[in-house]
PDB file of all heavy atoms in Angstrom:
ATOM      1  N   PRO A   1      -4.783   5.265  -2.737  1.00  0.00           N
ATOM      2  CA  PRO A   1      -4.843   5.253  -4.205  1.00  0.00           C
ATOM      3  C   PRO A   1      -4.454   6.582  -4.825  1.00  0.00           C
ATOM      4  O   PRO A   1      -3.961   6.629  -5.961  1.00  0.00           O
ATOM      5  CB  PRO A   1      -6.309   4.911  -4.506  1.00  0.00           C
ATOM      6  CG  PRO A   1      -6.926   4.468  -3.243  1.00  0.00           C
ATOM      7  CD  PRO A   1      -6.067   4.916  -2.112  1.00  0.00           C
ATOM      8  N   GLU A   2      -4.638   7.668  -4.066  1.00  0.00           N
ATOM      9  CA  GLU A   2      -4.328   9.003  -4.592  1.00  0.00           C
ATOM     10  C   GLU A   2      -2.835   9.235  -4.810  1.00  0.00           C
ATOM     11  O   GLU A   2      -2.435  10.232  -5.425  1.00  0.00           O
ATOM     12  CB  GLU A   2      -4.882  10.086  -3.655  1.00  0.00           C
ATOM     13  CG  GLU A   2      -4.290  10.110  -2.253  1.00  0.00           C
ATOM     14  CD  GLU A   2      -5.037   9.248  -1.248  1.00  0.00           C
ATOM     15  OE1 GLU A   2      -5.623   8.229  -1.653  1.00  0.00           O
ATOM     16  OE2 GLU A   2      -5.008   9.601  -0.045  1.00  0.00           O
ATOM     17  N   LEU A   3      -1.996   8.324  -4.320  1.00  0.00           N
ATOM     18  CA  LEU A   3      -0.556   8.470  -4.513  1.00  0.00           C
ATOM     19  C   LEU A   3      -0.106   8.108  -5.928  1.00  0.00           C
ATOM     20  O   LEU A   3       1.058   8.330  -6.280  1.00  0.00           O
ATOM     21  CB  LEU A   3       0.213   7.589  -3.518  1.00  0.00           C
ATOM     22  CG  LEU A   3       0.219   8.048  -2.058  1.00  0.00           C
ATOM     23  CD1 LEU A   3       0.949   7.033  -1.194  1.00  0.00           C
ATOM     24  CD2 LEU A   3       0.862   9.424  -1.925  1.00  0.00           C
ATOM     25  N   ALA A   4      -1.000   7.580  -6.733  1.00  0.00           N
ATOM     26  CA  ALA A   4      -0.609   7.124  -8.071  1.00  0.00           C
ATOM     27  C   ALA A   4       0.071   8.224  -8.878  1.00  0.00           C
ATOM     28  O   ALA A   4       1.090   7.984  -9.553  1.00  0.00           O
ATOM     29  CB  ALA A   4      -1.831   6.587  -8.820  1.00  0.00           C
ATOM     30  N   ASP A   5      -0.458   9.436  -8.818  1.00  0.00           N
ATOM     31  CA  ASP A   5       0.133  10.528  -9.600  1.00  0.00           C
ATOM     32  C   ASP A   5       1.509  10.921  -9.084  1.00  0.00           C
ATOM     33  O   ASP A   5       2.347  11.422  -9.852  1.00  0.00           O
ATOM     34  CB  ASP A   5      -0.788  11.752  -9.580  1.00  0.00           C
ATOM     35  CG  ASP A   5      -2.027  11.551 -10.444  1.00  0.00           C
ATOM     36  OD1 ASP A   5      -1.977  10.703 -11.357  1.00  0.00           O
ATOM     37  OD2 ASP A   5      -3.038  12.238 -10.196  1.00  0.00           O
ATOM     38  N   GLU A   6       1.768  10.711  -7.802  1.00  0.00           N
ATOM     39  CA  GLU A   6       3.058  11.097  -7.220  1.00  0.00           C
ATOM     40  C   GLU A   6       4.190  10.161  -7.650  1.00  0.00           C
ATOM     41  O   GLU A   6       5.360  10.546  -7.644  1.00  0.00           O
ATOM     42  CB  GLU A   6       2.965  11.106  -5.694  1.00  0.00           C
ATOM     43  CG  GLU A   6       1.963  12.085  -5.122  1.00  0.00           C
ATOM     44  CD  GLU A   6       2.360  13.534  -5.348  1.00  0.00           C
ATOM     45  OE1 GLU A   6       3.552  13.792  -5.614  1.00  0.00           O
ATOM     46  OE2 GLU A   6       1.465  14.395  -5.263  1.00  0.00           O
ATOM     47  N   ILE A   7       3.846   8.913  -8.001  1.00  0.00           N
ATOM     48  CA  ILE A   7       4.875   7.915  -8.315  1.00  0.00           C
ATOM     49  C   ILE A   7       4.727   7.405  -9.744  1.00  0.00           C
ATOM     50  O   ILE A   7       5.287   6.375 -10.095  1.00  0.00           O
ATOM     51  CB  ILE A   7       4.810   6.735  -7.336  1.00  0.00           C
ATOM     52  CG1 ILE A   7       3.433   6.052  -7.390  1.00  0.00           C
ATOM     53  CG2 ILE A   7       5.114   7.210  -5.916  1.00  0.00           C
ATOM     54  CD1 ILE A   7       3.361   4.771  -6.581  1.00  0.00           C
ATOM     55  N   ARG A   8       4.004   8.152 -10.567  1.00  0.00           N
ATOM     56  CA  ARG A   8       3.679   7.718 -11.917  1.00  0.00           C
ATOM     57  C   ARG A   8       4.922   7.268 -12.692  1.00  0.00           C
ATOM     58  O   ARG A   8       5.901   7.996 -12.801  1.00  0.00           O
ATOM     59  CB  ARG A   8       3.004   8.870 -12.667  1.00  0.00           C
ATOM     60  CG  ARG A   8       2.568   8.564 -14.097  1.00  0.00           C
ATOM     61  CD  ARG A   8       1.321   7.752 -14.118  1.00  0.00           C
ATOM     62  NE  ARG A   8       0.213   8.412 -13.408  1.00  0.00           N
ATOM     63  CZ  ARG A   8      -0.891   7.785 -13.040  1.00  0.00           C
ATOM     64  NH1 ARG A   8      -1.039   6.488 -13.287  1.00  0.00           N
ATOM     65  NH2 ARG A   8      -1.853   8.445 -12.393  1.00  0.00           N
ATOM     66  N   GLY A   9       4.888   6.023 -13.188  1.00  0.00           N
ATOM     67  CA  GLY A   9       5.954   5.521 -14.050  1.00  0.00           C
ATOM     68  C   GLY A   9       7.266   5.199 -13.368  1.00  0.00           C
ATOM     69  O   GLY A   9       8.269   4.988 -14.047  1.00  0.00           O
ATOM     70  N   ALA A  10       7.297   5.144 -12.046  1.00  0.00           N
ATOM     71  CA  ALA A  10       8.553   4.849 -11.336  1.00  0.00           C
ATOM     72  C   ALA A  10       9.142   3.521 -11.805  1.00  0.00           C
ATOM     73  O   ALA A  10       8.412   2.572 -12.114  1.00  0.00           O
ATOM     74  CB  ALA A  10       8.319   4.821  -9.833  1.00  0.00           C
ATOM     75  N   ASP A  11      10.458   3.458 -11.851  1.00  0.00           N
ATOM     76  CA  ASP A  11      11.131   2.226 -12.273  1.00  0.00           C
ATOM     77  C   ASP A  11      10.969   1.125 -11.234  1.00  0.00           C
ATOM     78  O   ASP A  11      10.866  -0.053 -11.586  1.00  0.00           O
ATOM     79  CB  ASP A  11      12.614   2.504 -12.516  1.00  0.00           C
ATOM     80  CG  ASP A  11      12.825   3.429 -13.696  1.00  0.00           C
ATOM     81  OD1 ASP A  11      12.928   2.939 -14.823  1.00  0.00           O
ATOM     82  OD2 ASP A  11      12.852   4.656 -13.474  1.00  0.00           O
ATOM     83  N   LEU A  12      10.962   1.506  -9.956  1.00  0.00           N
ATOM     84  CA  LEU A  12      10.801   0.533  -8.880  1.00  0.00           C
ATOM     85  C   LEU A  12      10.036   1.190  -7.742  1.00  0.00           C
ATOM     86  O   LEU A  12      10.378   2.292  -7.311  1.00  0.00           O
ATOM     87  CB  LEU A  12      12.156   0.038  -8.381  1.00  0.00           C
ATOM     88  CG  LEU A  12      12.150  -0.996  -7.258  1.00  0.00           C
ATOM     89  CD1 LEU A  12      11.481  -2.306  -7.708  1.00  0.00           C
ATOM     90  CD2 LEU A  12      13.574  -1.290  -6.767  1.00  0.00           C
ATOM     91  N   LEU A  13       8.998   0.519  -7.293  1.00  0.00           N
ATOM     92  CA  LEU A  13       8.210   0.973  -6.145  1.00  0.00           C
ATOM     93  C   LEU A  13       8.331  -0.049  -5.032  1.00  0.00           C
ATOM     94  O   LEU A  13       7.967  -1.215  -5.215  1.00  0.00           O
ATOM     95  CB  LEU A  13       6.738   1.129  -6.545  1.00  0.00           C
ATOM     96  CG  LEU A  13       5.721   1.212  -5.386  1.00  0.00           C
ATOM     97  CD1 LEU A  13       5.936   2.477  -4.554  1.00  0.00           C
ATOM     98  CD2 LEU A  13       4.287   1.157  -5.924  1.00  0.00           C
ATOM     99  N   MET A  14       8.861   0.357  -3.880  1.00  0.00           N
ATOM    100  CA  MET A  14       8.771  -0.457  -2.683  1.00  0.00           C
ATOM    101  C   MET A  14       7.556   0.050  -1.910  1.00  0.00           C
ATOM    102  O   MET A  14       7.543   1.168  -1.412  1.00  0.00           O
ATOM    103  CB  MET A  14      10.023  -0.335  -1.816  1.00  0.00           C
ATOM    104  CG  MET A  14      10.201  -1.485  -0.804  1.00  0.00           C
ATOM    105  SD  MET A  14       8.865  -1.775   0.387  1.00  0.00           S
ATOM    106  CE  MET A  14       8.964  -0.272   1.366  1.00  0.00           C
ATOM    107  N   HIS A  15       6.531  -0.772  -1.870  1.00  0.00           N
ATOM    108  CA  HIS A  15       5.324  -0.417  -1.124  1.00  0.00           C
ATOM    109  C   HIS A  15       5.105  -1.478  -0.060  1.00  0.00           C
ATOM    110  O   HIS A  15       5.117  -2.664  -0.347  1.00  0.00           O
ATOM    111  CB  HIS A  15       4.115  -0.360  -2.060  1.00  0.00           C
ATOM    112  CG  HIS A  15       2.893   0.235  -1.423  1.00  0.00           C
ATOM    113  ND1 HIS A  15       2.222  -0.367  -0.365  1.00  0.00           N
ATOM    114  CD2 HIS A  15       2.227   1.391  -1.684  1.00  0.00           C
ATOM    115  CE1 HIS A  15       1.193   0.392  -0.015  1.00  0.00           C
ATOM    116  NE2 HIS A  15       1.164   1.462  -0.795  1.00  0.00           N
ATOM    117  N   GLU A  16       4.927  -1.037   1.161  1.00  0.00           N
ATOM    118  CA  GLU A  16       4.740  -1.991   2.248  1.00  0.00           C
ATOM    119  C   GLU A  16       3.610  -2.971   1.945  1.00  0.00           C
ATOM    120  O   GLU A  16       2.573  -2.602   1.383  1.00  0.00           O
ATOM    121  CB  GLU A  16       4.466  -1.255   3.544  1.00  0.00           C
ATOM    122  CG  GLU A  16       3.101  -0.593   3.631  1.00  0.00           C
ATOM    123  CD  GLU A  16       2.377  -0.992   4.921  1.00  0.00           C
ATOM    124  OE1 GLU A  16       1.817  -2.108   4.950  1.00  0.00           O
ATOM    125  OE2 GLU A  16       2.374  -0.183   5.869  1.00  0.00           O
ATOM    126  N   THR A  17       3.830  -4.231   2.311  1.00  0.00           N
ATOM    127  CA  THR A  17       2.820  -5.286   2.206  1.00  0.00           C
ATOM    128  C   THR A  17       2.800  -6.005   3.558  1.00  0.00           C
ATOM    129  O   THR A  17       3.157  -7.179   3.653  1.00  0.00           O
ATOM    130  CB  THR A  17       3.141  -6.264   1.065  1.00  0.00           C
ATOM    131  OG1 THR A  17       4.468  -6.789   1.267  1.00  0.00           O
ATOM    132  CG2 THR A  17       3.095  -5.584  -0.288  1.00  0.00           C
ATOM    133  N   THR A  18       2.411  -5.272   4.574  1.00  0.00           N
ATOM    134  CA  THR A  18       2.466  -5.823   5.925  1.00  0.00           C
ATOM    135  C   THR A  18       1.567  -7.046   6.073  1.00  0.00           C
ATOM    136  O   THR A  18       1.920  -8.010   6.755  1.00  0.00           O
ATOM    137  CB  THR A  18       2.059  -4.753   6.952  1.00  0.00           C
ATOM    138  OG1 THR A  18       2.897  -3.602   6.780  1.00  0.00           O
ATOM    139  CG2 THR A  18       2.217  -5.266   8.372  1.00  0.00           C
ATOM    140  N   TYR A  19       0.419  -7.015   5.410  1.00  0.00           N
ATOM    141  CA  TYR A  19      -0.570  -8.085   5.556  1.00  0.00           C
ATOM    142  C   TYR A  19      -1.027  -8.613   4.196  1.00  0.00           C
ATOM    143  O   TYR A  19      -0.803  -7.981   3.159  1.00  0.00           O
ATOM    144  CB  TYR A  19      -1.803  -7.569   6.315  1.00  0.00           C
ATOM    145  CG  TYR A  19      -1.543  -7.122   7.726  1.00  0.00           C
ATOM    146  CD1 TYR A  19      -1.463  -5.768   8.036  1.00  0.00           C
ATOM    147  CD2 TYR A  19      -1.390  -8.048   8.753  1.00  0.00           C
ATOM    148  CE1 TYR A  19      -1.235  -5.345   9.348  1.00  0.00           C
ATOM    149  CE2 TYR A  19      -1.167  -7.639  10.063  1.00  0.00           C
ATOM    150  CZ  TYR A  19      -1.087  -6.289  10.353  1.00  0.00           C
ATOM    151  OH  TYR A  19      -0.864  -5.879  11.642  1.00  0.00           O
ATOM    152  N   THR A  20      -1.710  -9.739   4.231  1.00  0.00           N
ATOM    153  CA  THR A  20      -2.463 -10.227   3.079  1.00  0.00           C
ATOM    154  C   THR A  20      -3.929  -9.839   3.285  1.00  0.00           C
ATOM    155  O   THR A  20      -4.320  -9.351   4.350  1.00  0.00           O
ATOM    156  CB  THR A  20      -2.318 -11.747   2.934  1.00  0.00           C
ATOM    157  OG1 THR A  20      -2.589 -12.363   4.207  1.00  0.00           O
ATOM    158  CG2 THR A  20      -0.915 -12.124   2.481  1.00  0.00           C
ATOM    159  N   SER A  21      -4.740 -10.067   2.263  1.00  0.00           N
ATOM    160  CA  SER A  21      -6.098  -9.524   2.262  1.00  0.00           C
ATOM    161  C   SER A  21      -6.995 -10.067   3.375  1.00  0.00           C
ATOM    162  O   SER A  21      -7.960  -9.406   3.772  1.00  0.00           O
ATOM    163  CB  SER A  21      -6.761  -9.776   0.906  1.00  0.00           C
ATOM    164  OG  SER A  21      -6.177  -8.945  -0.072  1.00  0.00           O
ATOM    165  N   ASN A  22      -6.707 -11.241   3.881  1.00  0.00           N
ATOM    166  CA  ASN A  22      -7.522 -11.755   4.975  1.00  0.00           C
ATOM    167  C   ASN A  22      -7.309 -10.967   6.271  1.00  0.00           C
ATOM    168  O   ASN A  22      -8.044 -11.141   7.238  1.00  0.00           O
ATOM    169  CB  ASN A  22      -7.270 -13.253   5.206  1.00  0.00           C
ATOM    170  CG  ASN A  22      -5.801 -13.588   5.311  1.00  0.00           C
ATOM    171  OD1 ASN A  22      -4.984 -13.033   4.578  1.00  0.00           O
ATOM    172  ND2 ASN A  22      -5.453 -14.505   6.194  1.00  0.00           N
ATOM    173  N   TYR A  23      -6.324 -10.079   6.296  1.00  0.00           N
ATOM    174  CA  TYR A  23      -6.114  -9.184   7.443  1.00  0.00           C
ATOM    175  C   TYR A  23      -6.378  -7.722   7.055  1.00  0.00           C
ATOM    176  O   TYR A  23      -5.849  -6.806   7.684  1.00  0.00           O
ATOM    177  CB  TYR A  23      -4.672  -9.302   7.952  1.00  0.00           C
ATOM    178  CG  TYR A  23      -4.319 -10.643   8.558  1.00  0.00           C
ATOM    179  CD1 TYR A  23      -3.578 -11.569   7.833  1.00  0.00           C
ATOM    180  CD2 TYR A  23      -4.715 -10.974   9.851  1.00  0.00           C
ATOM    181  CE1 TYR A  23      -3.235 -12.805   8.386  1.00  0.00           C
ATOM    182  CE2 TYR A  23      -4.374 -12.198  10.413  1.00  0.00           C
ATOM    183  CZ  TYR A  23      -3.641 -13.109   9.671  1.00  0.00           C
ATOM    184  OH  TYR A  23      -3.312 -14.321  10.225  1.00  0.00           O
ATOM    185  N   GLU A  24      -7.189  -7.505   6.035  1.00  0.00           N
ATOM    186  CA  GLU A  24      -7.384  -6.144   5.524  1.00  0.00           C
ATOM    187  C   GLU A  24      -7.951  -5.196   6.576  1.00  0.00           C
ATOM    188  O   GLU A  24      -7.545  -4.038   6.680  1.00  0.00           O
ATOM    189  CB  GLU A  24      -8.294  -6.169   4.301  1.00  0.00           C
ATOM    190  CG  GLU A  24      -8.441  -4.802   3.633  1.00  0.00           C
ATOM    191  CD  GLU A  24      -9.155  -4.864   2.306  1.00  0.00           C
ATOM    192  OE1 GLU A  24      -9.160  -5.936   1.660  1.00  0.00           O
ATOM    193  OE2 GLU A  24      -9.724  -3.822   1.904  1.00  0.00           O
ATOM    194  N   LYS A  25      -8.900  -5.663   7.377  1.00  0.00           N
ATOM    195  CA  LYS A  25      -9.480  -4.808   8.412  1.00  0.00           C
ATOM    196  C   LYS A  25      -8.420  -4.404   9.434  1.00  0.00           C
ATOM    197  O   LYS A  25      -8.341  -3.247   9.851  1.00  0.00           O
ATOM    198  CB  LYS A  25     -10.636  -5.533   9.107  1.00  0.00           C
ATOM    199  CG  LYS A  25     -11.370  -4.678  10.128  1.00  0.00           C
ATOM    200  CD  LYS A  25     -12.566  -5.414  10.718  1.00  0.00           C
ATOM    201  CE  LYS A  25     -13.308  -4.545  11.720  1.00  0.00           C
ATOM    202  NZ  LYS A  25     -14.481  -5.253  12.300  1.00  0.00           N
ATOM    203  N   GLU A  26      -7.598  -5.351   9.812  1.00  0.00           N
ATOM    204  CA  GLU A  26      -6.523  -5.056  10.762  1.00  0.00           C
ATOM    205  C   GLU A  26      -5.508  -4.098  10.162  1.00  0.00           C
ATOM    206  O   GLU A  26      -4.983  -3.209  10.837  1.00  0.00           O
ATOM    207  CB  GLU A  26      -5.839  -6.360  11.175  1.00  0.00           C
ATOM    208  CG  GLU A  26      -4.804  -6.189  12.261  1.00  0.00           C
ATOM    209  CD  GLU A  26      -4.321  -7.509  12.819  1.00  0.00           C
ATOM    210  OE1 GLU A  26      -5.026  -8.521  12.651  1.00  0.00           O
ATOM    211  OE2 GLU A  26      -3.235  -7.525  13.418  1.00  0.00           O
ATOM    212  N   ALA A  27      -5.237  -4.265   8.868  1.00  0.00           N
ATOM    213  CA  ALA A  27      -4.310  -3.363   8.186  1.00  0.00           C
ATOM    214  C   ALA A  27      -4.815  -1.932   8.256  1.00  0.00           C
ATOM    215  O   ALA A  27      -4.048  -1.004   8.568  1.00  0.00           O
ATOM    216  CB  ALA A  27      -4.142  -3.797   6.733  1.00  0.00           C
ATOM    217  N   GLU A  28      -6.090  -1.735   7.994  1.00  0.00           N
ATOM    218  CA  GLU A  28      -6.670  -0.389   8.037  1.00  0.00           C
ATOM    219  C   GLU A  28      -6.595   0.191   9.442  1.00  0.00           C
ATOM    220  O   GLU A  28      -6.259   1.373   9.625  1.00  0.00           O
ATOM    221  CB  GLU A  28      -8.116  -0.430   7.547  1.00  0.00           C
ATOM    222  CG  GLU A  28      -8.774   0.928   7.478  1.00  0.00           C
ATOM    223  CD  GLU A  28     -10.183   0.862   6.925  1.00  0.00           C
ATOM    224  OE1 GLU A  28     -10.620  -0.243   6.552  1.00  0.00           O
ATOM    225  OE2 GLU A  28     -10.840   1.923   6.876  1.00  0.00           O
ATOM    226  N   GLN A  29      -6.885  -0.619  10.436  1.00  0.00           N
ATOM    227  CA  GLN A  29      -6.864  -0.138  11.817  1.00  0.00           C
ATOM    228  C   GLN A  29      -5.467   0.281  12.253  1.00  0.00           C
ATOM    229  O   GLN A  29      -5.305   1.231  13.023  1.00  0.00           O
ATOM    230  CB  GLN A  29      -7.395  -1.225  12.749  1.00  0.00           C
ATOM    231  CG  GLN A  29      -8.873  -1.526  12.591  1.00  0.00           C
ATOM    232  CD  GLN A  29      -9.324  -2.734  13.397  1.00  0.00           C
ATOM    233  OE1 GLN A  29      -8.505  -3.553  13.829  1.00  0.00           O
ATOM    234  NE2 GLN A  29     -10.627  -2.856  13.613  1.00  0.00           N
ATOM    235  N   ARG A  30      -4.454  -0.408  11.749  1.00  0.00           N
ATOM    236  CA  ARG A  30      -3.081  -0.159  12.197  1.00  0.00           C
ATOM    237  C   ARG A  30      -2.278   0.726  11.249  1.00  0.00           C
ATOM    238  O   ARG A  30      -1.078   0.924  11.439  1.00  0.00           O
ATOM    239  CB  ARG A  30      -2.359  -1.495  12.397  1.00  0.00           C
ATOM    240  CG  ARG A  30      -3.004  -2.345  13.490  1.00  0.00           C
ATOM    241  CD  ARG A  30      -2.153  -3.530  13.848  1.00  0.00           C
ATOM    242  NE  ARG A  30      -2.714  -4.283  14.966  1.00  0.00           N
ATOM    243  CZ  ARG A  30      -2.111  -5.293  15.564  1.00  0.00           C
ATOM    244  NH1 ARG A  30      -0.915  -5.689  15.149  1.00  0.00           N
ATOM    245  NH2 ARG A  30      -2.687  -5.922  16.579  1.00  0.00           N
ATOM    246  N   GLY A  31      -2.932   1.242  10.221  1.00  0.00           N
ATOM    247  CA  GLY A  31      -2.232   2.133   9.307  1.00  0.00           C
ATOM    248  C   GLY A  31      -1.282   1.412   8.379  1.00  0.00           C
ATOM    249  O   GLY A  31      -0.188   1.912   8.087  1.00  0.00           O
ATOM    250  N   HIS A  32      -1.702   0.248   7.897  1.00  0.00           N
ATOM    251  CA  HIS A  32      -0.866  -0.535   6.990  1.00  0.00           C
ATOM    252  C   HIS A  32      -1.652  -0.935   5.749  1.00  0.00           C
ATOM    253  O   HIS A  32      -2.846  -0.625   5.618  1.00  0.00           O
ATOM    254  CB  HIS A  32      -0.324  -1.774   7.700  1.00  0.00           C
ATOM    255  CG  HIS A  32       0.726  -1.472   8.712  1.00  0.00           C
ATOM    256  ND1 HIS A  32       1.935  -0.900   8.380  1.00  0.00           N
ATOM    257  CD2 HIS A  32       0.744  -1.643  10.068  1.00  0.00           C
ATOM    258  CE1 HIS A  32       2.662  -0.745   9.482  1.00  0.00           C
ATOM    259  NE2 HIS A  32       1.959  -1.176  10.520  1.00  0.00           N
TER     260      HIS A  32
END
């Protein structure tokens, strides 16, 4: 969440969406 200031107002943000929320624990473990 702390990256918000670094990308403030960007026209387009590509942010990885490796998983959906039902895999949130796995996402955290794998750095996604």
